[in-house]
Amino acid sequence: VPKLAICDENGAIEGKFFLKEM
């Protein structure tokens, strides 16, 4: 489970991509 973090509109952060499912 990834920690909550600030990501850009593409969901890219620290070289990893998170899928937005809200």
C-alpha atoms as a PDB file:
ATOM      1  CA  VAL A   1       0.000   0.000   0.000  1.00  0.00           C
ATOM      2  CA  PRO A   2       1.637   3.256  -1.170  1.00  0.00           C
ATOM      3  CA  LYS A   3       1.686   6.211   1.203  1.00  0.00           C
ATOM      4  CA  LEU A   4      -0.331   9.308   0.378  1.00  0.00           C
ATOM      5  CA  ALA A   5       1.846  11.713  -1.555  1.00  0.00           C
ATOM      6  CA  ILE A   6       1.535  14.784  -3.748  1.00  0.00           C
ATOM      7  CA  CYS A   7       1.527  13.867  -7.437  1.00  0.00           C
ATOM      8  CA  ASP A   8       1.094  15.784 -10.673  1.00  0.00           C
ATOM      9  CA  GLU A   9      -1.898  15.567 -12.999  1.00  0.00           C
ATOM     10  CA  ASN A  10      -0.335  12.469 -14.566  1.00  0.00           C
ATOM     11  CA  GLY A  11       0.014  10.840 -11.169  1.00  0.00           C
ATOM     12  CA  ALA A  12       3.793  10.672 -11.530  1.00  0.00           C
ATOM     13  CA  ILE A  13       5.842  10.805  -8.332  1.00  0.00           C
ATOM     14  CA  GLU A  14       9.368   9.694  -7.520  1.00  0.00           C
ATOM     15  CA  GLY A  15       9.458   7.855 -10.847  1.00  0.00           C
ATOM     16  CA  LYS A  16       6.363   5.832  -9.962  1.00  0.00           C
ATOM     17  CA  PHE A  17       2.848   6.178 -11.302  1.00  0.00           C
ATOM     18  CA  PHE A  18      -0.288   5.970  -9.183  1.00  0.00           C
ATOM     19  CA  LEU A  19      -3.701   5.283 -10.641  1.00  0.00           C
ATOM     20  CA  LYS A  20      -6.320   7.780  -9.538  1.00  0.00           C
ATOM     21  CA  GLU A  21      -9.547   6.032  -8.596  1.00  0.00           C
ATOM     22  CA  MET A  22     -11.651   8.532  -6.688  1.00  0.00           C
END
